[in-house]
Amino acid sequence: MWRSSSGRSIEPSDRLTTQVAAANAVLANGTLAHGLDYDDTLEEAIVHTGCCAGMTALAVGEELRASGKAVLEGAIAGTEVMCKIGLVAPGKFHARGFHPTALCSTFGAAAAAGKLHGLDAAQWSDAFGLCGSQSSGIIEYLADGTWTKRLHPGWSAHGGVIATLLAQQGFRGPTTVFEGTHGFYRAFGGANEYPFEKFSELGRTWEIPKLTFKSYPCGSISHPYYGLRPDLETKIRYRAGASRGNHLPYGGGSGTSPLGAAGTKAQAAHFLRGQVQSAF
């Protein structure tokens, strides 16, 4: 699935020996990174950046044989752009059934890839214009816990890299992709007033120091409940399915659980479905 004959080949992960182009490596690694659900998070924008910007910078940087400094700059550019895209419409995407990380990852990946490819001003405009048509991702996975969420940042970052390559070759994208009548924000966020001045803060107001990291491999909205464990473990008996005696995931910021990431995610699903029983 990851094979490609274009460009210099690279390995998508240390578990796969098939060599692929950067866009496909990002698809694989971005999906894997988000699938573990330990993402960094900018809560104000509701986006997870590392699975997009970091993965893209590493893949494109390796393909281009870029320096470590250039790869780091690409990751920073991708992260900051992705955060700003989300900060312009906090809560608006979710309200209309879209996954903010999926929508914003396309632009974040294009920023990381574009920085490494050295796009000029016209190419930057085209790349972002193309990203508006590459962005997608609905949140219906919340209904049954299926896997589409895991694919979102990988697929979107793949689109961002492709948008960068197309722009580099002269493929045009709309210059009003953000503010246009049929642009990105109106399409995905609705007819609202958007603070586009946020974009002028790029390079002046930094979002990376505000990123938070998960202690538990599940949605950040459920973390407060897990944080209660140290105080409640003697009062609450946790039941997962037919088994009894399992404990809530261990906290204290360690992010570890005796059941591992997969078991902890299963516990999280049961916990949020109300399968918690009082001990008295």
C-alpha atoms as a PDB file:
ATOM      1  CA  MET A   1       0.000   0.000   0.000  1.00  0.00           C
ATOM      2  CA  TRP A   2       2.830   2.377   0.787  1.00  0.00           C
ATOM      3  CA  ARG A   3       4.858   1.648  -2.352  1.00  0.00           C
ATOM      4  CA  SER A   4       5.764   4.494  -4.674  1.00  0.00           C
ATOM      5  CA  SER A   5       8.254   4.800  -7.506  1.00  0.00           C
ATOM      6  CA  SER A   6       8.499   8.592  -7.269  1.00  0.00           C
ATOM      7  CA  GLY A   7      11.452  10.356  -5.688  1.00  0.00           C
ATOM      8  CA  ARG A   8      14.203   8.954  -3.504  1.00  0.00           C
ATOM      9  CA  SER A   9      12.796   6.164  -1.354  1.00  0.00           C
ATOM     10  CA  ILE A  10      12.707   6.187   2.446  1.00  0.00           C
ATOM     11  CA  GLU A  11      11.430   3.850   5.106  1.00  0.00           C
ATOM     12  CA  PRO A  12       8.001   4.728   6.580  1.00  0.00           C
ATOM     13  CA  SER A  13       8.798   3.168   9.941  1.00  0.00           C
ATOM     14  CA  ASP A  14      11.270   0.878  11.648  1.00  0.00           C
ATOM     15  CA  ARG A  15       8.694  -1.939  11.416  1.00  0.00           C
ATOM     16  CA  LEU A  16       8.282  -1.711   7.652  1.00  0.00           C
ATOM     17  CA  THR A  17      11.046  -2.536   5.233  1.00  0.00           C
ATOM     18  CA  THR A  18       9.171  -1.362   2.141  1.00  0.00           C
ATOM     19  CA  GLN A  19      10.635   1.932   0.995  1.00  0.00           C
ATOM     20  CA  VAL A  20       8.319   4.721  -0.120  1.00  0.00           C
ATOM     21  CA  ALA A  21       8.238   8.407  -1.048  1.00  0.00           C
ATOM     22  CA  ALA A  22       7.858  11.026   1.685  1.00  0.00           C
ATOM     23  CA  ALA A  23       4.124  11.575   1.142  1.00  0.00           C
ATOM     24  CA  ASN A  24       3.427   7.896   1.742  1.00  0.00           C
ATOM     25  CA  ALA A  25       5.787   7.690   4.706  1.00  0.00           C
ATOM     26  CA  VAL A  26       3.827  10.530   6.281  1.00  0.00           C
ATOM     27  CA  LEU A  27       0.599   8.645   5.653  1.00  0.00           C
ATOM     28  CA  ALA A  28       1.946   5.609   7.505  1.00  0.00           C
ATOM     29  CA  ASN A  29       3.749   7.350  10.347  1.00  0.00           C
ATOM     30  CA  GLY A  30       1.127  10.033  10.924  1.00  0.00           C
ATOM     31  CA  THR A  31      -1.530   7.345  11.252  1.00  0.00           C
ATOM     32  CA  LEU A  32       0.640   5.321  13.625  1.00  0.00           C
ATOM     33  CA  ALA A  33       1.528   8.327  15.784  1.00  0.00           C
ATOM     34  CA  HIS A  34      -2.083   9.417  16.190  1.00  0.00           C
ATOM     35  CA  GLY A  35      -3.311   5.863  16.653  1.00  0.00           C
ATOM     36  CA  LEU A  36      -1.405   5.540  19.935  1.00  0.00           C
ATOM     37  CA  ASP A  37      -3.362   8.569  21.241  1.00  0.00           C
ATOM     38  CA  TYR A  38      -0.520  10.040  23.286  1.00  0.00           C
ATOM     39  CA  ASP A  39      -0.529  13.173  21.115  1.00  0.00           C
ATOM     40  CA  ASP A  40       0.555  16.608  22.168  1.00  0.00           C
ATOM     41  CA  THR A  41      -2.444  18.942  22.240  1.00  0.00           C
ATOM     42  CA  LEU A  42      -3.131  22.650  21.904  1.00  0.00           C
ATOM     43  CA  GLU A  43      -6.387  22.745  23.816  1.00  0.00           C
ATOM     44  CA  GLU A  44      -7.426  26.208  22.623  1.00  0.00           C
ATOM     45  CA  ALA A  45      -7.308  25.068  18.999  1.00  0.00           C
ATOM     46  CA  ILE A  46      -8.189  21.420  19.727  1.00  0.00           C
ATOM     47  CA  VAL A  47      -5.419  20.111  17.458  1.00  0.00           C
ATOM     48  CA  HIS A  48      -2.715  17.465  17.812  1.00  0.00           C
ATOM     49  CA  THR A  49       0.398  18.627  15.993  1.00  0.00           C
ATOM     50  CA  GLY A  50       3.213  16.099  16.378  1.00  0.00           C
ATOM     51  CA  CYS A  51       1.527  13.379  14.339  1.00  0.00           C
ATOM     52  CA  CYS A  52       1.428  15.830  11.436  1.00  0.00           C
ATOM     53  CA  ALA A  53       4.194  18.435  11.611  1.00  0.00           C
ATOM     54  CA  GLY A  54       6.817  16.238  13.231  1.00  0.00           C
ATOM     55  CA  MET A  55       6.190  13.260  10.976  1.00  0.00           C
ATOM     56  CA  THR A  56       6.185  15.421   7.860  1.00  0.00           C
ATOM     57  CA  ALA A  57       9.417  17.211   8.737  1.00  0.00           C
ATOM     58  CA  LEU A  58      11.187  13.911   9.404  1.00  0.00           C
ATOM     59  CA  ALA A  59       9.962  12.259   6.209  1.00  0.00           C
ATOM     60  CA  VAL A  60      10.554  15.174   3.840  1.00  0.00           C
ATOM     61  CA  GLY A  61      13.820  16.030   5.566  1.00  0.00           C
ATOM     62  CA  GLU A  62      15.115  12.511   5.042  1.00  0.00           C
ATOM     63  CA  GLU A  63      14.010  12.485   1.434  1.00  0.00           C
ATOM     64  CA  LEU A  64      15.796  15.780   0.759  1.00  0.00           C
ATOM     65  CA  ARG A  65      18.826  14.826   2.905  1.00  0.00           C
ATOM     66  CA  ALA A  66      18.220  18.011   4.896  1.00  0.00           C
ATOM     67  CA  SER A  67      20.242  19.012   7.934  1.00  0.00           C
ATOM     68  CA  GLY A  68      18.953  18.490  11.455  1.00  0.00           C
ATOM     69  CA  LYS A  69      18.537  22.254  11.768  1.00  0.00           C
ATOM     70  CA  ALA A  70      16.383  22.385   8.627  1.00  0.00           C
ATOM     71  CA  VAL A  71      14.230  19.478   9.814  1.00  0.00           C
ATOM     72  CA  LEU A  72      13.679  21.206  13.157  1.00  0.00           C
ATOM     73  CA  GLU A  73      12.735  24.440  11.400  1.00  0.00           C
ATOM     74  CA  GLY A  74      10.269  22.517   9.245  1.00  0.00           C
ATOM     75  CA  ALA A  75       8.678  20.896  12.287  1.00  0.00           C
ATOM     76  CA  ILE A  76       8.376  24.275  14.022  1.00  0.00           C
ATOM     77  CA  ALA A  77       6.834  25.897  10.948  1.00  0.00           C
ATOM     78  CA  GLY A  78       4.334  23.059  10.558  1.00  0.00           C
ATOM     79  CA  THR A  79       3.375  23.103  14.220  1.00  0.00           C
ATOM     80  CA  GLU A  80       2.879  26.855  14.417  1.00  0.00           C
ATOM     81  CA  VAL A  81       0.857  27.049  11.197  1.00  0.00           C
ATOM     82  CA  MET A  82      -1.341  24.145  12.241  1.00  0.00           C
ATOM     83  CA  CYS A  83      -2.017  25.765  15.616  1.00  0.00           C
ATOM     84  CA  LYS A  84      -2.885  29.124  14.087  1.00  0.00           C
ATOM     85  CA  ILE A  85      -5.273  27.484  11.606  1.00  0.00           C
ATOM     86  CA  GLY A  86      -7.118  25.934  14.534  1.00  0.00           C
ATOM     87  CA  LEU A  87      -7.041  29.048  16.709  1.00  0.00           C
ATOM     88  CA  VAL A  88      -8.966  31.029  14.106  1.00  0.00           C
ATOM     89  CA  ALA A  89     -11.988  28.759  14.626  1.00  0.00           C
ATOM     90  CA  PRO A  90     -11.890  27.175  18.108  1.00  0.00           C
ATOM     91  CA  GLY A  91     -14.843  24.826  18.528  1.00  0.00           C
ATOM     92  CA  LYS A  92     -16.337  25.693  15.146  1.00  0.00           C
ATOM     93  CA  PHE A  93     -15.182  22.561  13.331  1.00  0.00           C
ATOM     94  CA  HIS A  94     -16.362  20.165  16.023  1.00  0.00           C
ATOM     95  CA  ALA A  95     -19.745  21.883  16.073  1.00  0.00           C
ATOM     96  CA  ARG A  96     -20.275  20.979  12.421  1.00  0.00           C
ATOM     97  CA  GLY A  97     -19.069  17.397  12.791  1.00  0.00           C
ATOM     98  CA  PHE A  98     -15.462  17.772  11.631  1.00  0.00           C
ATOM     99  CA  HIS A  99     -12.215  16.681  13.277  1.00  0.00           C
ATOM    100  CA  PRO A 100      -9.999  19.775  13.750  1.00  0.00           C
ATOM    101  CA  THR A 101      -6.752  17.796  13.643  1.00  0.00           C
ATOM    102  CA  ALA A 102      -7.763  16.282  10.328  1.00  0.00           C
ATOM    103  CA  LEU A 103      -8.659  19.642   8.797  1.00  0.00           C
ATOM    104  CA  CYS A 104      -5.634  21.552  10.077  1.00  0.00           C
ATOM    105  CA  SER A 105      -3.038  18.820   9.455  1.00  0.00           C
ATOM    106  CA  THR A 106      -3.097  19.447   5.720  1.00  0.00           C
ATOM    107  CA  PHE A 107      -1.862  23.007   6.180  1.00  0.00           C
ATOM    108  CA  GLY A 108       0.596  22.022   8.900  1.00  0.00           C
ATOM    109  CA  ALA A 109       2.140  19.388   6.668  1.00  0.00           C
ATOM    110  CA  ALA A 110       2.351  21.814   3.748  1.00  0.00           C
ATOM    111  CA  ALA A 111       4.084  24.331   5.994  1.00  0.00           C
ATOM    112  CA  ALA A 112       6.635  21.762   7.151  1.00  0.00           C
ATOM    113  CA  ALA A 113       7.230  20.416   3.653  1.00  0.00           C
ATOM    114  CA  GLY A 114       7.207  23.873   2.087  1.00  0.00           C
ATOM    115  CA  LYS A 115       9.813  25.138   4.527  1.00  0.00           C
ATOM    116  CA  LEU A 116      12.098  22.234   3.658  1.00  0.00           C
ATOM    117  CA  HIS A 117      11.497  22.593  -0.088  1.00  0.00           C
ATOM    118  CA  GLY A 118      12.125  26.344   0.066  1.00  0.00           C
ATOM    119  CA  LEU A 119       8.912  27.505  -1.612  1.00  0.00           C
ATOM    120  CA  ASP A 120       8.695  31.073  -2.860  1.00  0.00           C
ATOM    121  CA  ALA A 121       5.759  33.370  -2.025  1.00  0.00           C
ATOM    122  CA  ALA A 122       3.625  32.370  -5.017  1.00  0.00           C
ATOM    123  CA  GLN A 123       4.231  28.688  -4.356  1.00  0.00           C
ATOM    124  CA  TRP A 124       3.270  29.101  -0.685  1.00  0.00           C
ATOM    125  CA  SER A 125      -0.010  30.686  -1.755  1.00  0.00           C
ATOM    126  CA  ASP A 126      -0.724  27.874  -4.195  1.00  0.00           C
ATOM    127  CA  ALA A 127       0.207  25.159  -1.695  1.00  0.00           C
ATOM    128  CA  PHE A 128      -2.165  26.479   0.956  1.00  0.00           C
ATOM    129  CA  GLY A 129      -4.832  27.054  -1.682  1.00  0.00           C
ATOM    130  CA  LEU A 130      -4.579  23.405  -2.676  1.00  0.00           C
ATOM    131  CA  CYS A 131      -4.711  22.299   0.963  1.00  0.00           C
ATOM    132  CA  GLY A 132      -8.217  23.688   1.275  1.00  0.00           C
ATOM    133  CA  SER A 133      -9.413  21.006  -1.135  1.00  0.00           C
ATOM    134  CA  GLN A 134      -7.305  18.267   0.459  1.00  0.00           C
ATOM    135  CA  SER A 135      -8.681  18.745   3.987  1.00  0.00           C
ATOM    136  CA  SER A 136     -11.321  16.368   5.311  1.00  0.00           C
ATOM    137  CA  GLY A 137     -12.330  14.260   8.312  1.00  0.00           C
ATOM    138  CA  ILE A 138     -15.645  13.781  10.129  1.00  0.00           C
ATOM    139  CA  ILE A 139     -16.080  12.718  13.756  1.00  0.00           C
ATOM    140  CA  GLU A 140     -18.653   9.966  13.297  1.00  0.00           C
ATOM    141  CA  TYR A 141     -16.043   7.585  14.763  1.00  0.00           C
ATOM    142  CA  LEU A 142     -17.302   8.836  18.126  1.00  0.00           C
ATOM    143  CA  ALA A 143     -20.446   6.759  17.600  1.00  0.00           C
ATOM    144  CA  ASP A 144     -18.718   3.379  17.696  1.00  0.00           C
ATOM    145  CA  GLY A 145     -14.985   3.879  18.303  1.00  0.00           C
ATOM    146  CA  THR A 146     -13.961   2.783  14.824  1.00  0.00           C
ATOM    147  CA  TRP A 147     -10.561   3.574  13.379  1.00  0.00           C
ATOM    148  CA  THR A 148     -11.037   6.505  11.019  1.00  0.00           C
ATOM    149  CA  LYS A 149      -9.752   9.009  13.599  1.00  0.00           C
ATOM    150  CA  ARG A 150      -6.352   7.326  13.556  1.00  0.00           C
ATOM    151  CA  LEU A 151      -6.099   7.753   9.806  1.00  0.00           C
ATOM    152  CA  HIS A 152      -6.976  11.447   9.761  1.00  0.00           C
ATOM    153  CA  PRO A 153      -3.618  13.164  10.406  1.00  0.00           C
ATOM    154  CA  GLY A 154      -1.702  10.718   8.243  1.00  0.00           C
ATOM    155  CA  TRP A 155      -4.085  11.119   5.328  1.00  0.00           C
ATOM    156  CA  SER A 156      -4.255  14.899   5.699  1.00  0.00           C
ATOM    157  CA  ALA A 157      -0.481  15.248   6.025  1.00  0.00           C
ATOM    158  CA  HIS A 158      -0.127  13.138   2.888  1.00  0.00           C
ATOM    159  CA  GLY A 159      -2.380  15.657   1.145  1.00  0.00           C
ATOM    160  CA  GLY A 160      -0.307  18.547   2.458  1.00  0.00           C
ATOM    161  CA  VAL A 161       2.899  17.075   1.061  1.00  0.00           C
ATOM    162  CA  ILE A 162       1.213  16.464  -2.313  1.00  0.00           C
ATOM    163  CA  ALA A 163      -0.090  20.040  -2.304  1.00  0.00           C
ATOM    164  CA  THR A 164       3.463  21.280  -1.745  1.00  0.00           C
ATOM    165  CA  LEU A 165       4.847  19.224  -4.609  1.00  0.00           C
ATOM    166  CA  LEU A 166       2.075  20.361  -6.951  1.00  0.00           C
ATOM    167  CA  ALA A 167       2.603  24.017  -6.036  1.00  0.00           C
ATOM    168  CA  GLN A 168       6.323  23.644  -6.605  1.00  0.00           C
ATOM    169  CA  GLN A 169       5.538  22.527 -10.155  1.00  0.00           C
ATOM    170  CA  GLY A 170       3.232  25.480 -10.822  1.00  0.00           C
ATOM    171  CA  PHE A 171      -0.166  23.972 -10.036  1.00  0.00           C
ATOM    172  CA  ARG A 172      -2.424  26.834  -8.928  1.00  0.00           C
ATOM    173  CA  GLY A 173      -4.584  27.070  -5.817  1.00  0.00           C
ATOM    174  CA  PRO A 174      -7.070  29.803  -4.770  1.00  0.00           C
ATOM    175  CA  THR A 175      -5.457  32.744  -2.996  1.00  0.00           C
ATOM    176  CA  THR A 176      -8.605  33.324  -0.922  1.00  0.00           C
ATOM    177  CA  VAL A 177      -8.658  29.790   0.459  1.00  0.00           C
ATOM    178  CA  PHE A 178      -9.165  31.001   4.040  1.00  0.00           C
ATOM    179  CA  GLU A 179     -11.398  34.069   3.840  1.00  0.00           C
ATOM    180  CA  GLY A 180     -13.275  33.392   0.603  1.00  0.00           C
ATOM    181  CA  THR A 181     -17.050  33.043   0.361  1.00  0.00           C
ATOM    182  CA  HIS A 182     -16.571  29.344  -0.367  1.00  0.00           C
ATOM    183  CA  GLY A 183     -13.282  29.096   1.493  1.00  0.00           C
ATOM    184  CA  PHE A 184     -11.943  26.745   4.130  1.00  0.00           C
ATOM    185  CA  TYR A 185     -13.476  28.389   7.196  1.00  0.00           C
ATOM    186  CA  ARG A 186     -16.951  28.981   5.809  1.00  0.00           C
ATOM    187  CA  ALA A 187     -17.062  25.470   4.379  1.00  0.00           C
ATOM    188  CA  PHE A 188     -15.973  23.675   7.545  1.00  0.00           C
ATOM    189  CA  GLY A 189     -16.828  26.173  10.277  1.00  0.00           C
ATOM    190  CA  GLY A 190     -19.927  27.912   8.948  1.00  0.00           C
ATOM    191  CA  ALA A 191     -20.794  31.545   8.349  1.00  0.00           C
ATOM    192  CA  ASN A 192     -19.123  33.052  11.420  1.00  0.00           C
ATOM    193  CA  GLU A 193     -16.796  35.933  12.097  1.00  0.00           C
ATOM    194  CA  TYR A 194     -13.223  34.653  12.148  1.00  0.00           C
ATOM    195  CA  PRO A 195     -10.205  36.426  13.676  1.00  0.00           C
ATOM    196  CA  PHE A 196      -7.924  36.165  10.662  1.00  0.00           C
ATOM    197  CA  GLU A 197      -5.536  38.539  12.376  1.00  0.00           C
ATOM    198  CA  LYS A 198      -4.264  35.440  14.172  1.00  0.00           C
ATOM    199  CA  PHE A 199      -2.262  34.688  11.053  1.00  0.00           C
ATOM    200  CA  SER A 200      -0.289  37.909  11.447  1.00  0.00           C
ATOM    201  CA  GLU A 201       0.993  36.566  14.772  1.00  0.00           C
ATOM    202  CA  LEU A 202       2.977  33.808  13.066  1.00  0.00           C
ATOM    203  CA  GLY A 203       6.606  34.116  14.080  1.00  0.00           C
ATOM    204  CA  ARG A 204       5.736  36.635  16.800  1.00  0.00           C
ATOM    205  CA  THR A 205       3.425  34.755  19.156  1.00  0.00           C
ATOM    206  CA  TRP A 206       4.486  31.155  19.666  1.00  0.00           C
ATOM    207  CA  GLU A 207       2.097  28.285  20.368  1.00  0.00           C
ATOM    208  CA  ILE A 208       4.626  25.486  20.904  1.00  0.00           C
ATOM    209  CA  PRO A 209       5.275  26.418  24.573  1.00  0.00           C
ATOM    210  CA  LYS A 210       1.527  26.061  25.185  1.00  0.00           C
ATOM    211  CA  LEU A 211       1.315  22.471  23.965  1.00  0.00           C
ATOM    212  CA  THR A 212       0.290  19.924  26.581  1.00  0.00           C
ATOM    213  CA  PHE A 213       1.073  16.223  26.695  1.00  0.00           C
ATOM    214  CA  LYS A 214      -1.170  13.323  27.593  1.00  0.00           C
ATOM    215  CA  SER A 215      -0.685  11.133  30.632  1.00  0.00           C
ATOM    216  CA  TYR A 216      -3.220   8.644  29.310  1.00  0.00           C
ATOM    217  CA  PRO A 217      -3.760   7.285  25.773  1.00  0.00           C
ATOM    218  CA  CYS A 218      -7.254   8.648  25.221  1.00  0.00           C
ATOM    219  CA  GLY A 219      -9.045  11.873  24.407  1.00  0.00           C
ATOM    220  CA  SER A 220      -7.893  14.731  26.630  1.00  0.00           C
ATOM    221  CA  ILE A 221     -11.482  15.513  27.615  1.00  0.00           C
ATOM    222  CA  SER A 222     -11.560  12.312  29.681  1.00  0.00           C
ATOM    223  CA  HIS A 223      -8.255  12.886  31.489  1.00  0.00           C
ATOM    224  CA  PRO A 224      -9.739  14.634  34.543  1.00  0.00           C
ATOM    225  CA  TYR A 225     -11.657  11.464  35.389  1.00  0.00           C
ATOM    226  CA  TYR A 226      -8.492   9.407  35.314  1.00  0.00           C
ATOM    227  CA  GLY A 227      -6.781  12.016  37.426  1.00  0.00           C
ATOM    228  CA  LEU A 228      -9.264  11.259  40.195  1.00  0.00           C
ATOM    229  CA  ARG A 229      -7.979   7.722  40.580  1.00  0.00           C
ATOM    230  CA  PRO A 230      -5.447   8.270  43.391  1.00  0.00           C
ATOM    231  CA  ASP A 231      -8.202   9.679  45.616  1.00  0.00           C
ATOM    232  CA  LEU A 232     -10.959   7.310  44.583  1.00  0.00           C
ATOM    233  CA  GLU A 233      -9.283   3.943  44.097  1.00  0.00           C
ATOM    234  CA  THR A 234     -10.414   2.724  47.515  1.00  0.00           C
ATOM    235  CA  LYS A 235     -13.992   3.818  46.834  1.00  0.00           C
ATOM    236  CA  ILE A 236     -14.498   2.773  43.237  1.00  0.00           C
ATOM    237  CA  ARG A 237     -14.483  -0.730  41.796  1.00  0.00           C
ATOM    238  CA  TYR A 238     -13.874  -0.701  38.096  1.00  0.00           C
ATOM    239  CA  ARG A 239     -15.572  -3.297  35.906  1.00  0.00           C
ATOM    240  CA  ALA A 240     -14.564  -3.793  32.244  1.00  0.00           C
ATOM    241  CA  GLY A 241     -17.006  -6.074  30.497  1.00  0.00           C
ATOM    242  CA  ALA A 242     -17.469  -9.375  32.314  1.00  0.00           C
ATOM    243  CA  SER A 243     -14.163  -9.188  34.213  1.00  0.00           C
ATOM    244  CA  ARG A 244     -13.791  -7.642  37.655  1.00  0.00           C
ATOM    245  CA  GLY A 245     -10.952  -6.340  39.753  1.00  0.00           C
ATOM    246  CA  ASN A 246      -9.202  -4.216  37.117  1.00  0.00           C
ATOM    247  CA  HIS A 247      -7.880  -0.888  38.323  1.00  0.00           C
ATOM    248  CA  LEU A 248      -8.110   2.469  36.640  1.00  0.00           C
ATOM    249  CA  PRO A 249      -5.008   3.417  34.634  1.00  0.00           C
ATOM    250  CA  TYR A 250      -2.095   4.518  36.736  1.00  0.00           C
ATOM    251  CA  GLY A 251      -1.609   8.253  36.907  1.00  0.00           C
ATOM    252  CA  GLY A 252       0.938  10.576  38.430  1.00  0.00           C
ATOM    253  CA  GLY A 253       1.915  11.851  34.984  1.00  0.00           C
ATOM    254  CA  SER A 254       3.731   8.626  34.124  1.00  0.00           C
ATOM    255  CA  GLY A 255       1.334   7.691  31.345  1.00  0.00           C
ATOM    256  CA  THR A 256       1.832   3.992  32.120  1.00  0.00           C
ATOM    257  CA  SER A 257      -0.620   1.235  32.852  1.00  0.00           C
ATOM    258  CA  PRO A 258      -0.123  -2.430  33.714  1.00  0.00           C
ATOM    259  CA  LEU A 259      -2.335  -3.229  30.728  1.00  0.00           C
ATOM    260  CA  GLY A 260      -0.324  -1.172  28.234  1.00  0.00           C
ATOM    261  CA  ALA A 261      -1.672   1.382  25.769  1.00  0.00           C
ATOM    262  CA  ALA A 262      -4.205  -0.932  24.109  1.00  0.00           C
ATOM    263  CA  GLY A 263      -5.623  -2.093  27.429  1.00  0.00           C
ATOM    264  CA  THR A 264      -5.789   1.420  28.753  1.00  0.00           C
ATOM    265  CA  LYS A 265      -7.700   2.580  25.674  1.00  0.00           C
ATOM    266  CA  ALA A 266     -10.168  -0.266  26.220  1.00  0.00           C
ATOM    267  CA  GLN A 267     -10.554   0.783  29.847  1.00  0.00           C
ATOM    268  CA  ALA A 268     -11.123   4.364  28.750  1.00  0.00           C
ATOM    269  CA  ALA A 269     -13.940   3.275  26.453  1.00  0.00           C
ATOM    270  CA  HIS A 270     -15.656   1.323  29.242  1.00  0.00           C
ATOM    271  CA  PHE A 271     -15.101   4.129  31.739  1.00  0.00           C
ATOM    272  CA  LEU A 272     -16.782   6.677  29.507  1.00  0.00           C
ATOM    273  CA  ARG A 273     -19.698   4.337  28.822  1.00  0.00           C
ATOM    274  CA  GLY A 274     -20.468   4.369  32.532  1.00  0.00           C
ATOM    275  CA  GLN A 275     -19.230   0.898  33.426  1.00  0.00           C
ATOM    276  CA  VAL A 276     -17.954   2.077  36.795  1.00  0.00           C
ATOM    277  CA  GLN A 277     -19.353   0.559  39.945  1.00  0.00           C
ATOM    278  CA  SER A 278     -19.371   1.939  43.457  1.00  0.00           C
ATOM    279  CA  ALA A 279     -17.595  -0.177  46.044  1.00  0.00           C
ATOM    280  CA  PHE A 280     -20.327   0.422  48.604  1.00  0.00           C
END
